[in-house]
C-alpha atoms as a PDB file:
ATOM      1  CA  MET A   1     177.105 107.361 307.920  1.00  0.00           C
ATOM      2  CA  GLY A   2     177.360 108.925 304.388  1.00  0.00           C
ATOM      3  CA  SER A   3     180.861 110.191 302.557  1.00  0.00           C
ATOM      4  CA  THR A   4     181.436 112.990 300.283  1.00  0.00           C
ATOM      5  CA  LEU A   5     183.731 111.222 298.028  1.00  0.00           C
ATOM      6  CA  ARG A   6     181.635 109.530 295.464  1.00  0.00           C
ATOM      7  CA  VAL A   7     183.218 106.386 294.004  1.00  0.00           C
ATOM      8  CA  GLY A   8     183.138 104.061 290.933  1.00  0.00           C
ATOM      9  CA  TYR A   9     183.243 100.900 290.243  1.00  0.00           C
ATOM     10  CA  ILE A  10     183.738  98.903 286.728  1.00  0.00           C
ATOM     11  CA  GLY A  11     183.630  95.122 286.631  1.00  0.00           C
ATOM     12  CA  LEU A  12     180.836  93.325 288.964  1.00  0.00           C
ATOM     13  CA  GLY A  13     181.866  89.852 288.921  1.00  0.00           C
ATOM     14  CA  ARG A  14     182.999  87.474 291.848  1.00  0.00           C
ATOM     15  CA  MET A  15     185.356  89.691 293.302  1.00  0.00           C
ATOM     16  CA  GLY A  16     184.320  93.200 292.209  1.00  0.00           C
ATOM     17  CA  GLY A  17     180.617  92.831 293.001  1.00  0.00           C
ATOM     18  CA  PRO A  18     181.261  92.293 296.916  1.00  0.00           C
ATOM     19  CA  MET A  19     183.421  94.791 296.778  1.00  0.00           C
ATOM     20  CA  ALA A  20     181.226  97.373 295.326  1.00  0.00           C
ATOM     21  CA  HIS A  21     178.418  95.973 297.923  1.00  0.00           C
ATOM     22  CA  ASN A  22     180.820  97.124 300.524  1.00  0.00           C
ATOM     23  CA  LEU A  23     181.557 100.496 299.303  1.00  0.00           C
ATOM     24  CA  VAL A  24     177.877 101.183 299.160  1.00  0.00           C
ATOM     25  CA  ARG A  25     177.205  99.553 302.705  1.00  0.00           C
ATOM     26  CA  THR A  26     180.281 102.229 303.737  1.00  0.00           C
ATOM     27  CA  GLY A  27     178.280 104.956 302.640  1.00  0.00           C
ATOM     28  CA  PHE A  28     179.511 106.055 299.894  1.00  0.00           C
ATOM     29  CA  PRO A  29     177.391 107.327 297.242  1.00  0.00           C
ATOM     30  CA  THR A  30     178.402 104.548 294.358  1.00  0.00           C
ATOM     31  CA  PHE A  31     178.468 104.519 290.543  1.00  0.00           C
ATOM     32  CA  VAL A  32     178.689 101.052 288.647  1.00  0.00           C
ATOM     33  CA  HIS A  33     179.157  99.438 285.167  1.00  0.00           C
ATOM     34  CA  ASP A  34     180.010  96.054 283.871  1.00  0.00           C
ATOM     35  CA  ALA A  35     180.043  94.655 280.603  1.00  0.00           C
ATOM     36  CA  ASN A  36     177.100  92.847 281.556  1.00  0.00           C
ATOM     37  CA  PRO A  37     174.151  94.746 281.841  1.00  0.00           C
ATOM     38  CA  GLN A  38     172.078  92.065 283.665  1.00  0.00           C
ATOM     39  CA  VAL A  39     174.261  92.673 287.100  1.00  0.00           C
ATOM     40  CA  ALA A  40     173.443  95.006 289.296  1.00  0.00           C
ATOM     41  CA  VAL A  41     174.856  96.412 293.010  1.00  0.00           C
ATOM     42  CA  GLU A  42     172.120  97.219 295.404  1.00  0.00           C
ATOM     43  CA  GLY A  43     171.896 100.783 296.508  1.00  0.00           C
ATOM     44  CA  ALA A  44     174.282 101.902 293.700  1.00  0.00           C
ATOM     45  CA  VAL A  45     174.005 103.731 290.541  1.00  0.00           C
ATOM     46  CA  TRP A  46     174.011 101.997 287.219  1.00  0.00           C
ATOM     47  CA  SER A  47     175.849 103.913 284.526  1.00  0.00           C
ATOM     48  CA  ALA A  48     175.819 102.939 280.770  1.00  0.00           C
ATOM     49  CA  THR A  49     179.815 103.358 280.492  1.00  0.00           C
ATOM     50  CA  PRO A  50     183.102 103.546 281.829  1.00  0.00           C
ATOM     51  CA  ALA A  51     183.100 107.147 280.811  1.00  0.00           C
ATOM     52  CA  GLU A  52     180.047 107.787 282.754  1.00  0.00           C
ATOM     53  CA  VAL A  53     181.336 106.408 285.824  1.00  0.00           C
ATOM     54  CA  ALA A  54     184.559 108.581 285.681  1.00  0.00           C
ATOM     55  CA  ARG A  55     182.706 111.762 284.734  1.00  0.00           C
ATOM     56  CA  GLN A  56     180.434 110.880 288.188  1.00  0.00           C
ATOM     57  CA  ALA A  57     182.930 109.675 290.770  1.00  0.00           C
ATOM     58  CA  ASP A  58     186.008 110.824 292.502  1.00  0.00           C
ATOM     59  CA  ILE A  59     187.389 107.783 292.958  1.00  0.00           C
ATOM     60  CA  ILE A  60     187.200 104.790 290.260  1.00  0.00           C
ATOM     61  CA  PHE A  61     187.559 101.156 290.826  1.00  0.00           C
ATOM     62  CA  THR A  62     188.150  98.745 288.045  1.00  0.00           C
ATOM     63  CA  CYS A  63     188.398  94.925 288.628  1.00  0.00           C
ATOM     64  CA  LEU A  64     188.715  93.440 285.480  1.00  0.00           C
ATOM     65  CA  PRO A  65     189.717  89.673 283.947  1.00  0.00           C
ATOM     66  CA  GLY A  66     192.901  90.836 282.536  1.00  0.00           C
ATOM     67  CA  PRO A  67     195.418  93.009 280.083  1.00  0.00           C
ATOM     68  CA  GLN A  68     192.786  93.277 277.060  1.00  0.00           C
ATOM     69  CA  GLU A  69     189.661  94.458 279.073  1.00  0.00           C
ATOM     70  CA  VAL A  70     191.570  97.109 281.227  1.00  0.00           C
ATOM     71  CA  GLU A  71     193.042  98.405 277.483  1.00  0.00           C
ATOM     72  CA  ALA A  72     189.355  98.368 276.328  1.00  0.00           C
ATOM     73  CA  VAL A  73     187.826 100.357 279.643  1.00  0.00           C
ATOM     74  CA  MET A  74     190.848 102.814 279.332  1.00  0.00           C
ATOM     75  CA  HIS A  75     190.363 103.966 275.592  1.00  0.00           C
ATOM     76  CA  GLY A  76     187.964 105.454 273.178  1.00  0.00           C
ATOM     77  CA  GLY A  77     185.056 107.572 273.450  1.00  0.00           C
ATOM     78  CA  VAL A  78     183.204 105.818 276.569  1.00  0.00           C
ATOM     79  CA  GLY A  79     186.482 105.076 278.298  1.00  0.00           C
ATOM     80  CA  LEU A  80     187.655 106.365 281.530  1.00  0.00           C
ATOM     81  CA  LEU A  81     190.452 108.373 280.254  1.00  0.00           C
ATOM     82  CA  GLU A  82     187.628 110.602 278.855  1.00  0.00           C
ATOM     83  CA  HIS A  83     186.826 111.804 282.116  1.00  0.00           C
ATOM     84  CA  ALA A  84     190.341 111.391 283.831  1.00  0.00           C
ATOM     85  CA  ARG A  85     190.497 115.107 285.489  1.00  0.00           C
ATOM     86  CA  PRO A  86     192.490 116.435 288.217  1.00  0.00           C
ATOM     87  CA  GLY A  87     191.790 115.311 292.037  1.00  0.00           C
ATOM     88  CA  LYS A  88     190.202 112.001 290.398  1.00  0.00           C
ATOM     89  CA  ILE A  89     191.784 108.874 291.745  1.00  0.00           C
ATOM     90  CA  PHE A  90     191.957 105.442 289.387  1.00  0.00           C
ATOM     91  CA  VAL A  91     192.112 102.363 291.485  1.00  0.00           C
ATOM     92  CA  GLU A  92     192.753  99.283 289.208  1.00  0.00           C
ATOM     93  CA  CYS A  93     192.787  95.909 291.300  1.00  0.00           C
ATOM     94  CA  THR A  94     192.825  93.936 287.896  1.00  0.00           C
ATOM     95  CA  THR A  95     195.663  91.553 288.236  1.00  0.00           C
ATOM     96  CA  THR A  96     197.408  92.226 284.883  1.00  0.00           C
ATOM     97  CA  GLU A  97     200.895  93.292 283.045  1.00  0.00           C
ATOM     98  CA  PRO A  98     203.533  95.879 285.319  1.00  0.00           C
ATOM     99  CA  ALA A  99     204.273  97.489 281.954  1.00  0.00           C
ATOM    100  CA  GLN A 100     200.409  97.990 280.998  1.00  0.00           C
ATOM    101  CA  ILE A 101     200.056  99.465 284.559  1.00  0.00           C
ATOM    102  CA  ARG A 102     203.135 101.709 284.454  1.00  0.00           C
ATOM    103  CA  SER A 103     202.007 103.154 280.714  1.00  0.00           C
ATOM    104  CA  ASN A 104     198.492 103.561 282.416  1.00  0.00           C
ATOM    105  CA  ALA A 105     199.568 106.160 285.217  1.00  0.00           C
ATOM    106  CA  ARG A 106     201.311 108.057 282.507  1.00  0.00           C
ATOM    107  CA  CYS A 107     198.260 108.440 280.677  1.00  0.00           C
ATOM    108  CA  PHE A 108     196.162 109.330 283.771  1.00  0.00           C
ATOM    109  CA  ALA A 109     199.427 111.743 285.003  1.00  0.00           C
ATOM    110  CA  ASP A 110     199.048 113.989 281.857  1.00  0.00           C
ATOM    111  CA  ARG A 111     195.216 114.258 282.734  1.00  0.00           C
ATOM    112  CA  GLY A 112     195.984 115.559 286.570  1.00  0.00           C
ATOM    113  CA  SER A 113     194.688 112.166 287.712  1.00  0.00           C
ATOM    114  CA  GLY A 114     196.214 110.167 290.204  1.00  0.00           C
ATOM    115  CA  TYR A 115     196.541 106.222 289.932  1.00  0.00           C
ATOM    116  CA  ILE A 116     197.109 103.217 292.010  1.00  0.00           C
ATOM    117  CA  ASP A 117     197.397  99.608 291.404  1.00  0.00           C
ATOM    118  CA  ALA A 118     195.871  97.896 293.943  1.00  0.00           C
ATOM    119  CA  CYS A 119     195.821  94.047 293.575  1.00  0.00           C
ATOM    120  CA  VAL A 120     193.954  91.897 296.189  1.00  0.00           C
ATOM    121  CA  SER A 121     194.144  88.419 297.527  1.00  0.00           C
ATOM    122  CA  GLY A 122     191.649  86.822 299.651  1.00  0.00           C
ATOM    123  CA  GLY A 123     188.966  85.458 297.742  1.00  0.00           C
ATOM    124  CA  PRO A 124     184.972  85.814 297.067  1.00  0.00           C
ATOM    125  CA  SER A 125     184.558  84.991 300.473  1.00  0.00           C
ATOM    126  CA  ASN A 126     187.319  87.785 301.903  1.00  0.00           C
ATOM    127  CA  SER A 127     185.691  90.011 299.181  1.00  0.00           C
ATOM    128  CA  GLU A 128     182.222  89.645 300.710  1.00  0.00           C
ATOM    129  CA  SER A 129     183.478  90.131 304.413  1.00  0.00           C
ATOM    130  CA  GLY A 130     185.358  93.386 303.307  1.00  0.00           C
ATOM    131  CA  THR A 131     188.860  91.728 304.826  1.00  0.00           C
ATOM    132  CA  LEU A 132     191.205  91.449 301.521  1.00  0.00           C
ATOM    133  CA  VAL A 133     194.701  91.753 301.974  1.00  0.00           C
ATOM    134  CA  LEU A 134     195.589  94.785 299.490  1.00  0.00           C
ATOM    135  CA  MET A 135     199.030  94.831 297.528  1.00  0.00           C
ATOM    136  CA  LEU A 136     199.357  98.580 296.884  1.00  0.00           C
ATOM    137  CA  GLY A 137     201.623 100.572 294.083  1.00  0.00           C
ATOM    138  CA  GLY A 138     201.169 104.532 293.996  1.00  0.00           C
ATOM    139  CA  ASP A 139     201.934 108.175 295.114  1.00  0.00           C
ATOM    140  CA  PRO A 140     201.647 107.622 299.049  1.00  0.00           C
ATOM    141  CA  GLY A 141     199.394 111.175 298.690  1.00  0.00           C
ATOM    142  CA  ASP A 142     197.235 109.361 296.126  1.00  0.00           C
ATOM    143  CA  ILE A 143     196.701 106.099 298.447  1.00  0.00           C
ATOM    144  CA  ALA A 144     195.982 108.876 301.499  1.00  0.00           C
ATOM    145  CA  ARG A 145     193.239 110.139 299.757  1.00  0.00           C
ATOM    146  CA  ALA A 146     192.025 106.694 298.520  1.00  0.00           C
ATOM    147  CA  ARG A 147     192.136 105.155 302.191  1.00  0.00           C
ATOM    148  CA  PRO A 148     188.578 105.306 303.424  1.00  0.00           C
ATOM    149  CA  ALA A 149     187.636 103.560 300.112  1.00  0.00           C
ATOM    150  CA  LEU A 150     190.274 101.016 300.094  1.00  0.00           C
ATOM    151  CA  GLU A 151     189.451 100.308 303.828  1.00  0.00           C
ATOM    152  CA  ALA A 152     185.812  99.699 303.027  1.00  0.00           C
ATOM    153  CA  VAL A 153     186.827  96.720 300.572  1.00  0.00           C
ATOM    154  CA  GLY A 154     190.148  95.801 302.580  1.00  0.00           C
ATOM    155  CA  SER A 155     191.096  95.014 305.890  1.00  0.00           C
ATOM    156  CA  ARG A 156     195.244  94.638 305.604  1.00  0.00           C
ATOM    157  CA  LEU A 157     196.983  97.312 302.949  1.00  0.00           C
ATOM    158  CA  HIS A 158     200.205  97.064 302.043  1.00  0.00           C
ATOM    159  CA  HIS A 159     201.848  99.776 300.451  1.00  0.00           C
ATOM    160  CA  PHE A 160     205.244  98.331 298.136  1.00  0.00           C
ATOM    161  CA  GLY A 161     206.323 101.262 296.385  1.00  0.00           C
ATOM    162  CA  PRO A 162     205.296 102.899 293.381  1.00  0.00           C
ATOM    163  CA  VAL A 163     202.832 102.264 290.450  1.00  0.00           C
ATOM    164  CA  GLY A 164     203.558  98.856 289.438  1.00  0.00           C
ATOM    165  CA  SER A 165     204.609  97.374 292.964  1.00  0.00           C
ATOM    166  CA  GLY A 166     201.308  96.526 294.211  1.00  0.00           C
ATOM    167  CA  THR A 167     200.812  94.256 290.749  1.00  0.00           C
ATOM    168  CA  ILE A 168     204.413  92.769 291.148  1.00  0.00           C
ATOM    169  CA  ALA A 169     203.860  91.708 294.923  1.00  0.00           C
ATOM    170  CA  LYS A 170     200.477  89.627 293.526  1.00  0.00           C
ATOM    171  CA  LEU A 171     202.139  87.965 290.901  1.00  0.00           C
ATOM    172  CA  VAL A 172     204.761  86.976 293.415  1.00  0.00           C
ATOM    173  CA  HIS A 173     202.063  85.934 296.002  1.00  0.00           C
ATOM    174  CA  ASN A 174     200.391  83.647 293.357  1.00  0.00           C
ATOM    175  CA  LEU A 175     203.236  82.281 292.042  1.00  0.00           C
ATOM    176  CA  VAL A 176     204.081  81.236 295.189  1.00  0.00           C
ATOM    177  CA  HIS A 177     200.505  79.624 296.164  1.00  0.00           C
ATOM    178  CA  ASN A 178     200.525  77.682 292.665  1.00  0.00           C
ATOM    179  CA  ALA A 179     203.964  76.115 292.983  1.00  0.00           C
ATOM    180  CA  ILE A 180     203.296  75.238 296.122  1.00  0.00           C
ATOM    181  CA  LEU A 181     200.034  73.796 295.195  1.00  0.00           C
ATOM    182  CA  GLN A 182     201.606  72.221 292.485  1.00  0.00           C
ATOM    183  CA  ILE A 183     204.237  70.192 294.886  1.00  0.00           C
ATOM    184  CA  ALA A 184     201.592  69.099 296.794  1.00  0.00           C
ATOM    185  CA  ILE A 185     199.537  67.459 294.410  1.00  0.00           C
ATOM    186  CA  GLU A 186     202.770  66.204 293.241  1.00  0.00           C
ATOM    187  CA  ALA A 187     203.684  64.859 296.816  1.00  0.00           C
ATOM    188  CA  ILE A 188     200.176  63.487 297.909  1.00  0.00           C
ATOM    189  CA  ALA A 189     199.845  61.543 294.155  1.00  0.00           C
ATOM    190  CA  MET A 190     203.276  59.418 295.211  1.00  0.00           C
ATOM    191  CA  GLY A 191     202.036  59.107 298.954  1.00  0.00           C
ATOM    192  CA  MET A 192     198.641  57.508 297.233  1.00  0.00           C
ATOM    193  CA  LYS A 193     200.746  55.091 294.845  1.00  0.00           C
ATOM    194  CA  ALA A 194     202.541  54.020 298.300  1.00  0.00           C
ATOM    195  CA  GLY A 195     198.740  53.375 299.648  1.00  0.00           C
ATOM    196  CA  LEU A 196     197.792  56.063 301.601  1.00  0.00           C
ATOM    197  CA  THR A 197     194.577  58.209 301.036  1.00  0.00           C
ATOM    198  CA  SER A 198     194.448  61.096 299.993  1.00  0.00           C
ATOM    199  CA  ALA A 199     192.344  62.798 302.693  1.00  0.00           C
ATOM    200  CA  ALA A 200     194.703  61.183 305.410  1.00  0.00           C
ATOM    201  CA  LEU A 201     197.570  63.273 303.594  1.00  0.00           C
ATOM    202  CA  VAL A 202     195.916  66.505 303.075  1.00  0.00           C
ATOM    203  CA  GLU A 203     194.752  66.400 307.059  1.00  0.00           C
ATOM    204  CA  LEU A 204     198.386  65.589 308.492  1.00  0.00           C
ATOM    205  CA  LEU A 205     199.301  68.292 305.863  1.00  0.00           C
ATOM    206  CA  GLN A 206     196.719  70.866 307.694  1.00  0.00           C
ATOM    207  CA  GLU A 207     197.885  70.035 311.365  1.00  0.00           C
ATOM    208  CA  GLY A 208     201.674  69.522 310.568  1.00  0.00           C
ATOM    209  CA  ALA A 209     204.687  72.047 310.209  1.00  0.00           C
ATOM    210  CA  VAL A 210     203.062  73.204 307.099  1.00  0.00           C
ATOM    211  CA  GLY A 211     199.504  73.688 308.371  1.00  0.00           C
ATOM    212  CA  GLN A 212     200.975  75.766 311.078  1.00  0.00           C
ATOM    213  CA  GLY A 213     202.663  78.011 308.792  1.00  0.00           C
ATOM    214  CA  ALA A 214     206.478  76.875 308.771  1.00  0.00           C
ATOM    215  CA  LEU A 215     207.055  78.408 305.620  1.00  0.00           C
ATOM    216  CA  THR A 216     205.672  82.366 306.073  1.00  0.00           C
ATOM    217  CA  ARG A 217     206.075  82.029 309.815  1.00  0.00           C
ATOM    218  CA  TRP A 218     209.216  80.327 310.860  1.00  0.00           C
ATOM    219  CA  GLN A 219     211.449  79.943 307.736  1.00  0.00           C
ATOM    220  CA  LEU A 220     210.765  83.110 305.491  1.00  0.00           C
ATOM    221  CA  PRO A 221     211.410  85.785 308.045  1.00  0.00           C
ATOM    222  CA  PRO A 222     214.596  85.105 309.216  1.00  0.00           C
ATOM    223  CA  MET A 223     215.708  84.652 305.327  1.00  0.00           C
ATOM    224  CA  THR A 224     215.118  88.025 304.976  1.00  0.00           C
ATOM    225  CA  ASP A 225     216.504  89.619 308.364  1.00  0.00           C
ATOM    226  CA  GLY A 226     219.412  87.406 309.207  1.00  0.00           C
ATOM    227  CA  ARG A 227     217.730  87.239 312.525  1.00  0.00           C
ATOM    228  CA  GLU A 228     219.173  83.965 315.111  1.00  0.00           C
ATOM    229  CA  LEU A 229     217.245  80.831 314.501  1.00  0.00           C
ATOM    230  CA  GLY A 230     217.620  79.062 317.571  1.00  0.00           C
ATOM    231  CA  PRO A 231     215.568  76.318 318.147  1.00  0.00           C
ATOM    232  CA  GLN A 232     214.593  76.780 314.316  1.00  0.00           C
ATOM    233  CA  PHE A 233     217.943  76.002 313.014  1.00  0.00           C
ATOM    234  CA  PHE A 234     217.669  72.950 310.363  1.00  0.00           C
ATOM    235  CA  PRO A 235     220.589  72.137 308.997  1.00  0.00           C
ATOM    236  CA  VAL A 236     220.658  71.507 304.826  1.00  0.00           C
ATOM    237  CA  ARG A 237     222.212  68.703 304.774  1.00  0.00           C
ATOM    238  CA  MET A 238     219.110  67.114 306.928  1.00  0.00           C
ATOM    239  CA  SER A 239     216.666  68.667 304.735  1.00  0.00           C
ATOM    240  CA  ALA A 240     218.666  67.282 301.481  1.00  0.00           C
ATOM    241  CA  LYS A 241     218.243  63.947 303.631  1.00  0.00           C
ATOM    242  CA  ASP A 242     214.530  64.189 304.018  1.00  0.00           C
ATOM    243  CA  VAL A 243     213.932  64.787 300.417  1.00  0.00           C
ATOM    244  CA  GLY A 244     216.622  62.222 299.156  1.00  0.00           C
ATOM    245  CA  LEU A 245     214.714  59.346 301.299  1.00  0.00           C
ATOM    246  CA  ALA A 246     211.166  60.815 299.408  1.00  0.00           C
ATOM    247  CA  MET A 247     212.454  60.709 295.943  1.00  0.00           C
ATOM    248  CA  ASP A 248     213.823  57.617 296.770  1.00  0.00           C
ATOM    249  CA  VAL A 249     210.233  56.166 297.277  1.00  0.00           C
ATOM    250  CA  ALA A 250     209.172  58.019 294.338  1.00  0.00           C
ATOM    251  CA  ARG A 251     211.673  56.089 292.250  1.00  0.00           C
ATOM    252  CA  GLU A 252     210.287  52.459 293.540  1.00  0.00           C
ATOM    253  CA  LEU A 253     207.073  53.632 293.001  1.00  0.00           C
ATOM    254  CA  GLY A 254     207.133  55.028 289.398  1.00  0.00           C
ATOM    255  CA  ALA A 255     205.510  58.283 290.732  1.00  0.00           C
ATOM    256  CA  ALA A 256     206.169  61.307 288.554  1.00  0.00           C
ATOM    257  CA  MET A 257     208.042  64.432 290.383  1.00  0.00           C
ATOM    258  CA  PRO A 258     209.652  66.521 288.252  1.00  0.00           C
ATOM    259  CA  ILE A 259     209.074  69.323 290.633  1.00  0.00           C
ATOM    260  CA  ALA A 260     210.675  67.569 293.927  1.00  0.00           C
ATOM    261  CA  SER A 261     213.269  66.343 290.848  1.00  0.00           C
ATOM    262  CA  LEU A 262     214.523  70.079 290.998  1.00  0.00           C
ATOM    263  CA  VAL A 263     214.089  70.911 294.362  1.00  0.00           C
ATOM    264  CA  GLU A 264     216.632  67.438 294.879  1.00  0.00           C
ATOM    265  CA  GLN A 265     219.154  68.872 292.597  1.00  0.00           C
ATOM    266  CA  ASN A 266     218.840  72.220 294.409  1.00  0.00           C
ATOM    267  CA  PHE A 267     220.014  70.460 297.442  1.00  0.00           C
ATOM    268  CA  SER A 268     222.432  68.239 295.724  1.00  0.00           C
ATOM    269  CA  GLU A 269     224.264  71.239 294.549  1.00  0.00           C
ATOM    270  CA  ALA A 270     224.077  73.088 297.829  1.00  0.00           C
ATOM    271  CA  LEU A 271     225.893  69.660 299.433  1.00  0.00           C
ATOM    272  CA  SER A 272     228.332  69.564 296.746  1.00  0.00           C
ATOM    273  CA  ARG A 273     229.339  73.674 297.730  1.00  0.00           C
ATOM    274  CA  GLY A 274     230.036  72.565 301.230  1.00  0.00           C
ATOM    275  CA  LEU A 275     226.757  74.137 302.640  1.00  0.00           C
ATOM    276  CA  GLY A 276     225.451  71.013 304.440  1.00  0.00           C
ATOM    277  CA  ASP A 277     226.120  72.199 307.786  1.00  0.00           C
ATOM    278  CA  ARG A 278     224.156  75.786 307.038  1.00  0.00           C
ATOM    279  CA  ASP A 279     220.406  76.365 307.983  1.00  0.00           C
ATOM    280  CA  ASN A 280     218.347  76.803 304.748  1.00  0.00           C
ATOM    281  CA  ARG A 281     219.229  80.148 304.229  1.00  0.00           C
ATOM    282  CA  ALA A 282     222.285  79.084 302.790  1.00  0.00           C
ATOM    283  CA  ILE A 283     219.516  77.559 300.127  1.00  0.00           C
ATOM    284  CA  ALA A 284     218.039  81.109 299.700  1.00  0.00           C
ATOM    285  CA  GLU A 285     221.622  82.208 298.663  1.00  0.00           C
ATOM    286  CA  LEU A 286     222.350  79.776 296.162  1.00  0.00           C
ATOM    287  CA  LEU A 287     218.762  80.467 294.396  1.00  0.00           C
ATOM    288  CA  ALA A 288     218.754  83.952 294.684  1.00  0.00           C
ATOM    289  CA  ALA A 289     222.422  84.464 293.213  1.00  0.00           C
ATOM    290  CA  ARG A 290     221.366  83.086 290.023  1.00  0.00           C
ATOM    291  CA  SER A 291     219.066  85.778 289.941  1.00  0.00           C
ATOM    292  CA  GLY A 292     222.165  88.118 290.459  1.00  0.00           C
ATOM    293  CA  LEU A 293     221.389  88.474 294.301  1.00  0.00           C
ATOM    294  CA  PRO A 294     224.445  87.621 295.999  1.00  0.00           C
ATOM    295  CA  ASN A 295     223.260  88.059 299.382  1.00  0.00           C
ATOM    296  CA  GLY A 296     220.357  85.747 299.065  1.00  0.00           C
ATOM    297  CA  LEU A 297     216.797  87.206 300.376  1.00  0.00           C
ATOM    298  CA  ILE A 298     218.186  89.181 302.714  1.00  0.00           C
ATOM    299  CA  VAL A 299     218.692  93.376 301.438  1.00  0.00           C
ATOM    300  CA  SER A 300     222.130  94.290 300.412  1.00  0.00           C
ATOM    301  CA  GLY A 301     224.288  96.031 303.336  1.00  0.00           C
ATOM    302  CA  ALA A 302     222.550  93.567 306.041  1.00  0.00           C
ATOM    303  CA  SER A 303     224.378  91.667 308.293  1.00  0.00           C
ATOM    304  CA  ASP A 304     223.381  87.859 308.697  1.00  0.00           C
ATOM    305  CA  LYS A 305     224.169  87.562 312.858  1.00  0.00           C
ATOM    306  CA  SER A 306     223.835  83.957 313.065  1.00  0.00           C
ATOM    307  CA  ARG A 307     227.238  83.479 311.455  1.00  0.00           C
END
């Protein structure tokens, strides 16, 4: 079934190419452009410049490597601003600087065009299947109008607030991902020095509490809403004990553990503050206070019913 909305897509890399393909497959007349003229999307119309895409399409996606490419596609005689008009909506999927997102939004607003940041998560496989997670920032009306096209590339859409919010959400997500990856590598290396195999340890991480989603399912949610933990209660002193024992082993083995050392220091501070019999939400309060958030991860004014 076809659509009356014409969609443009600029940036046909590992993520953008499959996303553009899904727009075509969903029935949108689709106009595409890429810095590499050799790439193509079956069923889409090739455009010589970004401006040509913007001239022909109602909703224009960009998915580019970074800030420099975004700047290049925006400006100049062949840039997107050349054909920004009232009624058009520009959707920025590039992970770039929030300040650049907000600046671009103002430029498009001056021409009557809508602008959404729509960062994605899920990797190439979800890009191909159209099941990406989209982190959106922008005007609710613009998002509503662009929703049919957004739903063609993503199955889970999360609107975080005004323009720039989606980009900040993506940066939070990727920071958490990369930090967890590094501590996992650090800890597995310690286990290997003790004679364990990396394959066995990865399997353990897959099957244990980590792989079952302990962090995102059981631990982080009550840190944001203050719910009763019930059987999930685990005191800080016990977590500190486990980390301390692991660090004792690391020191005996001569394993380098810079990230884990910081975790150990945070638990030591929590114990010194008398937080040992609290649950790990006390760690959230300790760490968040360093950023000026005295209630931890709970929105100011919300009550913690567990106390």
